[in-house]
Each structure stands twice: as C-alpha cells, then as structure tokens.
Amino acid sequence: MFKKLLLSVMVLGGLAAAGMAYWARQPIFEAGQPLPFTIKAGSNLSSSVQQIAGAGIDVNPDLLALLARLTNKGSKLKAGSYELKPGTTPLRLLTQLVRGEFAQESLTVIEGWTFRQMRLAVAAQSALKHDTAALSDTELLAKIAPDYRMPEGLFFPDTYLFAKGSSDLQLYKQAHALLLKHLQQAWDGRDASVPYKTPYEALIMASIVEKETGRRADRTTIAGVFVNRLKIGMLLQTDPTVIYGMGDQYRGTIHKRDLTTDTAYNTYTRPGLPPTPIALPGGESLEAAMHPAKTDALYFVARGDGSSHFSSNLSEHNQAVNQYQR
C-alpha cells in the first residue's frame, strides 16, 4: 500500500513538474503592443508578481511566484519599469526581472542646440525623473563639471537611451562624459598648426563652425577661414556669436546696430574667440575645428542653398555678397 501511494505521489509530482515546465515556456501573449508594468522598490516576491498581474498582464501570479522559487530567482528580482513584449514566456519574464532589463526610453540632443534648448528637451521628457528641475544652470554644472564656469557646449549631441524613471542628472552626466571623450580624442589627433591653446578653445571654434553651416563639405573650409583670421589677428566677424550674445533680444533678424553693440560674444567688436562655446557641437564640427582646410580664404558668404562661397580678398567677397545676398 505504501509503495503504491509513493508511486502515485511520484507520478503526480512528475506530471506537476512537466506541467510547470510546459507552462513556463508558453508565451504569455503572442501579438499586440508591449505591455508596461512597474515593480516598486522594496517589493518582495509576492508583491512583485501581484503588481505584474495588476498591470493587466495575463499571468498567474501564484504560478509565477512558484516558478521563481523553483529556479532560485525569487529573491533576485529588481525593482523598476519594464515592458513585456509579445512572445515572452514566464521563464523569460523572470530572467528579464533578474537582469533588470528595464523599459528603454530615449532622448535625442540635436547638434547645434544651445544648452538652454537641451534643458527644455530634458524637462519635456516625461519618462525621466526630474531631479535637476529646480537647479539653476550654475547649480547643475557644479554637480557635473565644477571646473567650468558655463555649461554651454559641454554636452555631446546624440541619442541617449535610459530606463524609465532614471534621473535626468545621470543623463546630463552621460552627455558630458561623452563630450569630454570626443573632445579629447579630437584634440589628441589635431593638426599641429591649429592656433588653439587648449581643448576648450577648440570646442569654442567647433561650436561656431556648427552654427555657421550644416553642410558637411563646407565645415572644414569655414574652420580654415576662422583659423586664418585668428592667425593674423583679424576679427572673426561671425553672426552666430553676435546672436548668442543678444540672448532673448534676438527676434530672428540681425541688424547693423546689433553688430556694433558690444557684448562678450560680439566678434565684430572683440578680437579672438568668444569666452565660451555658443552651442553644442557634434563630432564633425569638432573634427573640422581640429583639422581645418588649408585655404587662403578669409571670407565666405551663404549662397542661399545651404552652401557657401569662399573668397581670399575683400573685393571678391563684396562681389559675392552682391551676387548672393543683395
């Protein structure tokens, strides 16, 4: 009798194990949009599986908890925001929770944006935790790069992936670290003839090049023009620096009085580079600043199609201005 009972228990146990193994490998759902859910910090296994089921995910929480215990994963689940994709099995779901494969969000920082525009974009990203919202630019910079006075130009334009609920401070730190990496790499490989004394001066030049043209083919030549001017002590006379110095007073049009009104960024009234970058330069502008074209051009004017006409003397430049702008 005892042997029969033991055999029955073994058979039932084997069937239960087989059934659990089969269930664990079946998709929770097979088609449709990913389903979001969140495991709150401090949740135990029982609470975690209930939160998953409570988010509308059609999985038996008791079986999921049992599977977690059988696979020794019950105490290893990580809190955070997740997405359950079609085709995910209960076993794969537990792996996702143990590894902390959080739902990924993204934010794209555009080349040529000012830091102010970047802050607005970060503030508008609802998937971020806004730990820096109440901080001034100075206070924010002190937490990221205290050796700098101004944040302009110190963040690399790129698309950043982050887990939902991540701190915006971490995104700023990541963007700054990436900028420093690209800047140092470009500086280490720079043309020996460039006149910049520091990587920061090169970053300032890159920001000017970034704002002067979006045309890849013209970047190095524009950098060459400005380098030529720096070397002979000629004013840079670049409108984007004037516009940056105008701040909120700029309304889309630059007038002659703006070119003669002195600010720290007016390169029509002050020699050399402005005191800080005027935008967030991308990798191509950094490379152009470090490897300017060898050219005798000292002037350029926009043709109106996105390209520029370059001139080596003022007479030729004035003719180009008449042709393309007047």
Protein backbone atom coordinates (compact mmCIF):
# COMPACT_ATOMS: atom_id res chain seq x y z
CA MET A 1 0.00 0.00 0.00
CA PHE A 2 2.76 2.41 0.95
CA LYS A 3 4.65 1.63 -2.25
CA LYS A 4 1.53 2.31 -4.32
CA LEU A 5 0.97 5.59 -2.52
CA LEU A 6 4.61 6.59 -3.01
CA LEU A 7 4.40 5.70 -6.68
CA SER A 8 1.24 7.77 -7.06
CA VAL A 9 2.88 10.74 -5.40
CA MET A 10 5.90 10.42 -7.69
CA VAL A 11 3.70 10.22 -10.77
CA LEU A 12 1.67 13.22 -9.70
CA GLY A 13 4.87 15.11 -8.88
CA GLY A 14 6.31 14.27 -12.27
CA LEU A 15 3.13 15.39 -14.00
CA ALA A 16 3.13 18.62 -12.00
CA ALA A 17 6.77 19.26 -12.86
CA ALA A 18 6.11 18.55 -16.51
CA GLY A 19 3.09 20.82 -16.44
CA MET A 20 5.10 23.62 -14.81
CA ALA A 21 7.90 23.20 -17.34
CA TYR A 22 5.37 23.37 -20.20
CA TRP A 23 3.64 26.45 -18.75
CA ALA A 24 6.93 28.23 -18.13
CA ARG A 25 7.79 28.04 -21.84
CA GLN A 26 4.48 29.19 -23.28
CA PRO A 27 4.11 32.83 -24.45
CA ILE A 28 2.12 34.95 -22.03
CA PHE A 29 0.63 36.64 -25.11
CA GLU A 30 1.59 36.32 -28.75
CA ALA A 31 0.63 39.55 -30.51
CA GLY A 32 -0.03 43.21 -29.87
CA GLN A 33 1.80 46.11 -28.27
CA PRO A 34 4.33 45.69 -25.44
CA LEU A 35 2.67 45.91 -22.02
CA PRO A 36 4.23 48.23 -19.43
CA PHE A 37 4.49 47.36 -15.76
CA THR A 38 6.45 48.52 -12.74
CA ILE A 39 7.92 46.74 -9.75
CA LYS A 40 8.12 49.16 -6.83
CA ALA A 41 11.29 49.48 -4.79
CA GLY A 42 11.28 47.26 -1.70
CA SER A 43 8.78 44.76 -3.13
CA ASN A 44 9.10 41.10 -2.12
CA LEU A 45 8.33 38.20 -4.46
CA SER A 46 4.64 38.00 -3.57
CA SER A 47 4.15 41.74 -4.02
CA SER A 48 6.11 41.75 -7.27
CA VAL A 49 4.02 39.09 -9.01
CA GLN A 50 0.82 40.77 -7.81
CA GLN A 51 1.99 44.08 -9.32
CA ILE A 52 2.66 42.32 -12.63
CA ALA A 53 -0.81 40.76 -12.69
CA GLY A 54 -2.34 44.04 -11.53
CA ALA A 55 -0.83 45.82 -14.54
CA GLY A 56 -3.12 43.77 -16.79
CA ILE A 57 -0.63 41.06 -17.71
CA ASP A 58 -2.40 37.72 -18.07
CA VAL A 59 -0.08 35.55 -16.00
CA ASN A 60 -0.98 33.52 -12.91
CA PRO A 61 0.85 35.26 -10.05
CA ASP A 62 0.93 32.13 -7.86
CA LEU A 63 2.48 30.01 -10.61
CA LEU A 64 4.93 32.79 -11.44
CA ALA A 65 5.99 33.01 -7.79
CA LEU A 66 6.37 29.22 -7.61
CA LEU A 67 8.47 29.23 -10.79
CA ALA A 68 10.67 31.96 -9.31
CA ARG A 69 11.27 29.86 -6.18
CA LEU A 70 11.95 26.65 -8.16
CA THR A 71 14.52 28.47 -10.34
CA ASN A 72 16.12 30.19 -7.33
CA LYS A 73 15.19 33.65 -8.66
CA GLY A 74 12.64 34.69 -6.06
CA SER A 75 14.97 36.95 -4.10
CA LYS A 76 16.78 38.38 -7.13
CA LEU A 77 14.03 40.39 -8.86
CA LYS A 78 14.96 44.03 -9.48
CA ALA A 79 12.57 46.92 -9.00
CA GLY A 80 11.99 49.21 -11.96
CA SER A 81 9.86 49.93 -15.02
CA TYR A 82 9.56 47.17 -17.62
CA GLU A 83 7.84 46.27 -20.87
CA LEU A 84 6.55 42.79 -21.62
CA LYS A 85 6.89 42.07 -25.33
CA PRO A 86 4.74 39.64 -27.33
CA GLY A 87 6.13 36.13 -27.23
CA THR A 88 7.66 36.49 -23.77
CA THR A 89 7.35 33.33 -21.66
CA PRO A 90 7.10 33.25 -17.84
CA LEU A 91 10.65 31.88 -17.70
CA ARG A 92 11.94 34.70 -19.92
CA LEU A 93 9.98 37.23 -17.84
CA LEU A 94 11.79 36.11 -14.69
CA THR A 95 15.14 36.41 -16.49
CA GLN A 96 14.18 39.93 -17.52
CA LEU A 97 13.38 40.82 -13.92
CA VAL A 98 16.58 39.28 -12.53
CA ARG A 99 18.78 41.04 -15.08
CA GLY A 100 16.98 44.35 -14.66
CA GLU A 101 16.18 44.67 -18.37
CA PHE A 102 14.19 47.84 -17.86
CA ALA A 103 11.98 49.53 -20.43
CA GLN A 104 14.16 51.73 -22.60
CA GLU A 105 13.29 55.34 -23.38
CA SER A 106 15.31 57.75 -25.50
CA LEU A 107 16.13 61.43 -25.81
CA THR A 108 17.85 62.95 -28.83
CA VAL A 109 20.04 66.02 -28.32
CA ILE A 110 20.44 67.84 -31.64
CA GLU A 111 23.73 69.23 -33.00
CA GLY A 112 23.72 73.00 -32.81
CA TRP A 113 21.26 73.22 -29.94
CA THR A 114 22.11 75.60 -27.13
CA PHE A 115 22.28 74.24 -23.61
CA ARG A 116 19.03 76.05 -22.94
CA GLN A 117 17.34 74.04 -25.68
CA MET A 118 18.78 70.85 -24.23
CA ARG A 119 17.38 71.68 -20.78
CA LEU A 120 13.95 72.29 -22.28
CA ALA A 121 14.07 68.93 -24.09
CA VAL A 122 15.14 67.12 -20.91
CA ALA A 123 12.40 68.84 -18.92
CA ALA A 124 9.81 67.77 -21.51
CA GLN A 125 10.83 64.08 -21.36
CA SER A 126 8.18 62.64 -19.06
CA ALA A 127 9.96 59.29 -18.70
CA LEU A 128 12.80 60.93 -16.75
CA LYS A 129 12.87 61.66 -13.05
CA HIS A 130 13.47 65.41 -12.92
CA ASP A 131 15.97 65.79 -10.10
CA THR A 132 17.53 68.92 -11.65
CA ALA A 133 14.36 70.85 -12.45
CA ALA A 134 14.80 73.33 -9.60
CA LEU A 135 18.53 73.83 -10.20
CA SER A 136 19.98 76.85 -11.97
CA ASP A 137 22.49 76.26 -14.76
CA THR A 138 25.27 77.10 -12.31
CA GLU A 139 23.99 74.67 -9.69
CA LEU A 140 23.54 71.94 -12.28
CA LEU A 141 27.05 72.48 -13.66
CA ALA A 142 28.50 72.27 -10.14
CA LYS A 143 27.15 68.71 -9.87
CA ILE A 144 28.56 67.65 -13.24
CA ALA A 145 31.63 69.69 -14.18
CA PRO A 146 32.62 72.08 -11.37
CA ASP A 147 35.81 73.09 -13.17
CA TYR A 148 33.80 75.00 -15.80
CA ARG A 149 32.02 78.33 -15.41
CA MET A 150 29.38 77.92 -18.12
CA PRO A 151 27.57 74.78 -19.34
CA GLU A 152 27.32 75.80 -22.98
CA GLY A 153 28.96 73.31 -25.34
CA LEU A 154 29.82 70.78 -22.64
CA PHE A 155 27.28 68.11 -23.65
CA PHE A 156 27.55 65.89 -26.71
CA PRO A 157 24.65 65.79 -29.20
CA ASP A 158 23.48 62.19 -29.51
CA THR A 159 20.54 59.88 -28.85
CA TYR A 160 20.59 58.70 -25.25
CA LEU A 161 18.83 55.55 -24.03
CA PHE A 162 17.73 55.29 -20.43
CA ALA A 163 15.46 53.27 -18.22
CA LYS A 164 12.10 54.83 -17.49
CA GLY A 165 12.29 56.69 -14.19
CA SER A 166 16.03 57.35 -14.45
CA SER A 167 17.37 60.60 -13.06
CA ASP A 168 17.87 63.42 -15.55
CA LEU A 169 21.11 64.19 -13.70
CA GLN A 170 22.52 60.88 -14.89
CA LEU A 171 21.65 61.75 -18.49
CA TYR A 172 23.47 65.10 -18.17
CA LYS A 173 26.49 63.31 -16.71
CA GLN A 174 26.47 60.80 -19.56
CA ALA A 175 26.26 63.53 -22.20
CA HIS A 176 29.09 65.48 -20.58
CA ALA A 177 31.31 62.42 -20.30
CA LEU A 178 30.72 61.64 -23.97
CA LEU A 179 31.63 65.21 -24.93
CA LEU A 180 34.89 65.01 -22.99
CA LYS A 181 35.72 61.70 -24.66
CA HIS A 182 35.13 63.04 -28.20
CA LEU A 183 36.89 66.31 -27.44
CA GLN A 184 39.99 64.61 -26.06
CA GLN A 185 40.17 62.17 -28.97
CA ALA A 186 39.88 65.03 -31.46
CA TRP A 187 42.43 67.13 -29.55
CA ASP A 188 44.95 64.30 -29.41
CA GLY A 189 44.74 63.89 -33.19
CA ARG A 190 44.62 67.60 -34.06
CA ASP A 191 46.60 69.28 -36.82
CA ALA A 192 49.76 70.68 -35.24
CA SER A 193 49.22 74.06 -36.89
CA VAL A 194 45.91 74.96 -35.22
CA PRO A 195 46.23 78.06 -33.02
CA TYR A 196 44.18 76.88 -30.03
CA LYS A 197 45.95 76.77 -26.69
CA THR A 198 43.51 74.35 -25.02
CA PRO A 199 40.87 71.79 -25.96
CA TYR A 200 38.27 74.24 -24.66
CA GLU A 201 39.32 76.85 -27.24
CA ALA A 202 38.94 74.18 -29.91
CA LEU A 203 35.47 73.41 -28.55
CA ILE A 204 34.54 77.09 -28.89
CA MET A 205 35.67 77.04 -32.52
CA ALA A 206 33.74 73.82 -33.18
CA SER A 207 30.57 75.44 -31.83
CA ILE A 208 30.99 78.39 -34.21
CA VAL A 209 31.51 76.05 -37.16
CA GLU A 210 28.42 74.10 -36.09
CA LYS A 211 26.26 77.23 -36.17
CA GLU A 212 27.73 78.60 -39.39
CA THR A 213 26.81 75.65 -41.58
CA GLY A 214 25.00 72.34 -41.58
CA ARG A 215 26.74 71.36 -44.82
CA ARG A 216 29.37 68.71 -44.24
CA ALA A 217 31.50 69.70 -47.24
CA ASP A 218 31.87 73.31 -46.05
CA ARG A 219 32.73 72.70 -42.40
CA THR A 220 36.49 72.29 -42.77
CA THR A 221 36.80 75.31 -45.10
CA ILE A 222 34.80 77.53 -42.76
CA ALA A 223 37.07 76.37 -39.94
CA GLY A 224 40.02 77.21 -42.20
CA VAL A 225 38.73 80.74 -42.73
CA PHE A 226 38.38 81.37 -39.00
CA VAL A 227 41.79 79.84 -38.25
CA ASN A 228 43.34 82.10 -40.89
CA ARG A 229 41.72 85.10 -39.23
CA LEU A 230 42.91 84.09 -35.78
CA LYS A 231 46.47 83.70 -37.02
CA ILE A 232 46.66 87.20 -38.49
CA GLY A 233 44.70 88.90 -35.71
CA MET A 234 41.67 89.63 -37.90
CA LEU A 235 38.23 89.87 -36.28
CA LEU A 236 36.19 86.70 -36.70
CA GLN A 237 33.03 88.71 -37.50
CA THR A 238 30.66 85.76 -37.27
CA ASP A 239 26.95 86.47 -36.85
CA PRO A 240 26.08 83.39 -34.72
CA THR A 241 28.26 84.68 -31.87
CA VAL A 242 26.50 88.06 -32.02
CA ILE A 243 23.11 86.34 -31.94
CA TYR A 244 24.16 84.25 -28.95
CA GLY A 245 25.28 87.38 -27.12
CA MET A 246 21.92 89.03 -27.81
CA GLY A 247 20.10 86.30 -25.87
CA ASP A 248 16.35 86.87 -25.67
CA GLN A 249 16.66 90.16 -27.57
CA TYR A 250 17.20 88.24 -30.80
CA ARG A 251 13.94 88.05 -32.76
CA GLY A 252 15.06 86.27 -35.91
CA THR A 253 16.74 89.22 -37.63
CA ILE A 254 20.15 90.75 -37.02
CA HIS A 255 20.58 94.49 -37.66
CA LYS A 256 23.61 96.72 -38.15
CA ARG A 257 23.17 98.14 -34.65
CA ASP A 258 23.47 94.59 -33.28
CA LEU A 259 26.85 94.21 -34.97
CA THR A 260 28.14 97.41 -33.36
CA THR A 261 26.66 96.84 -29.88
CA ASP A 262 29.46 95.38 -27.80
CA THR A 263 28.91 92.17 -25.84
CA ALA A 264 31.34 89.49 -24.71
CA TYR A 265 30.23 87.46 -27.72
CA ASN A 266 30.34 90.17 -30.39
CA THR A 267 33.17 89.08 -32.66
CA TYR A 268 32.68 92.26 -34.73
CA THR A 269 33.81 94.38 -31.77
CA ARG A 270 36.12 91.98 -29.90
CA PRO A 271 39.14 90.08 -31.24
CA GLY A 272 39.73 86.37 -30.90
CA LEU A 273 37.34 83.67 -29.82
CA PRO A 274 34.28 84.37 -27.64
CA PRO A 275 34.59 83.35 -23.97
CA THR A 276 32.56 80.13 -24.25
CA PRO A 277 31.04 77.89 -26.91
CA ILE A 278 27.80 79.16 -28.39
CA ALA A 279 26.14 75.77 -29.00
CA LEU A 280 26.56 72.02 -28.64
CA PRO A 281 28.89 70.95 -31.48
CA GLY A 282 28.75 67.49 -33.00
CA GLY A 283 31.61 65.20 -33.94
CA GLU A 284 32.03 66.53 -37.48
CA SER A 285 32.39 70.11 -36.28
CA LEU A 286 34.94 69.00 -33.67
CA GLU A 287 36.95 67.30 -36.39
CA ALA A 288 36.67 70.34 -38.67
CA ALA A 289 37.98 72.60 -35.90
CA MET A 290 40.93 70.27 -35.28
CA HIS A 291 41.63 69.72 -38.99
CA PRO A 292 40.74 72.96 -40.79
CA ALA A 293 41.16 73.07 -44.54
CA LYS A 294 44.37 74.53 -45.91
CA THR A 295 42.95 77.54 -47.70
CA ASP A 296 43.84 81.15 -48.46
CA ALA A 297 40.19 82.19 -47.95
CA LEU A 298 39.44 84.91 -45.41
CA TYR A 299 35.77 85.43 -46.23
CA PHE A 300 32.66 83.42 -47.02
CA VAL A 301 29.04 84.19 -47.78
CA ALA A 302 25.99 81.94 -47.89
CA ARG A 303 24.75 81.17 -51.38
CA GLY A 304 21.19 80.60 -50.21
CA ASP A 305 21.18 76.87 -50.96
CA GLY A 306 22.99 75.79 -47.83
CA SER A 307 26.46 76.10 -49.32
CA SER A 308 28.97 78.95 -49.05
CA HIS A 309 31.14 80.95 -51.45
CA PHE A 310 34.71 81.48 -50.23
CA SER A 311 36.94 84.44 -51.10
CA SER A 312 40.56 85.30 -50.39
CA ASN A 313 40.17 89.10 -50.58
CA LEU A 314 37.57 91.73 -49.70
CA SER A 315 36.90 92.80 -53.29
CA GLU A 316 35.97 89.28 -54.36
CA HIS A 317 33.91 88.85 -51.18
CA ASN A 318 31.90 92.03 -51.83
CA GLN A 319 31.14 90.81 -55.35
CA ALA A 320 29.91 87.50 -53.88
CA VAL A 321 27.74 89.35 -51.35
CA ASN A 322 26.16 91.37 -54.18
CA GLN A 323 25.56 88.23 -56.17
CA TYR A 324 24.13 86.00 -53.46
CA GLN A 325 22.55 88.32 -50.88
CA ARG A 326 21.72 91.66 -52.45
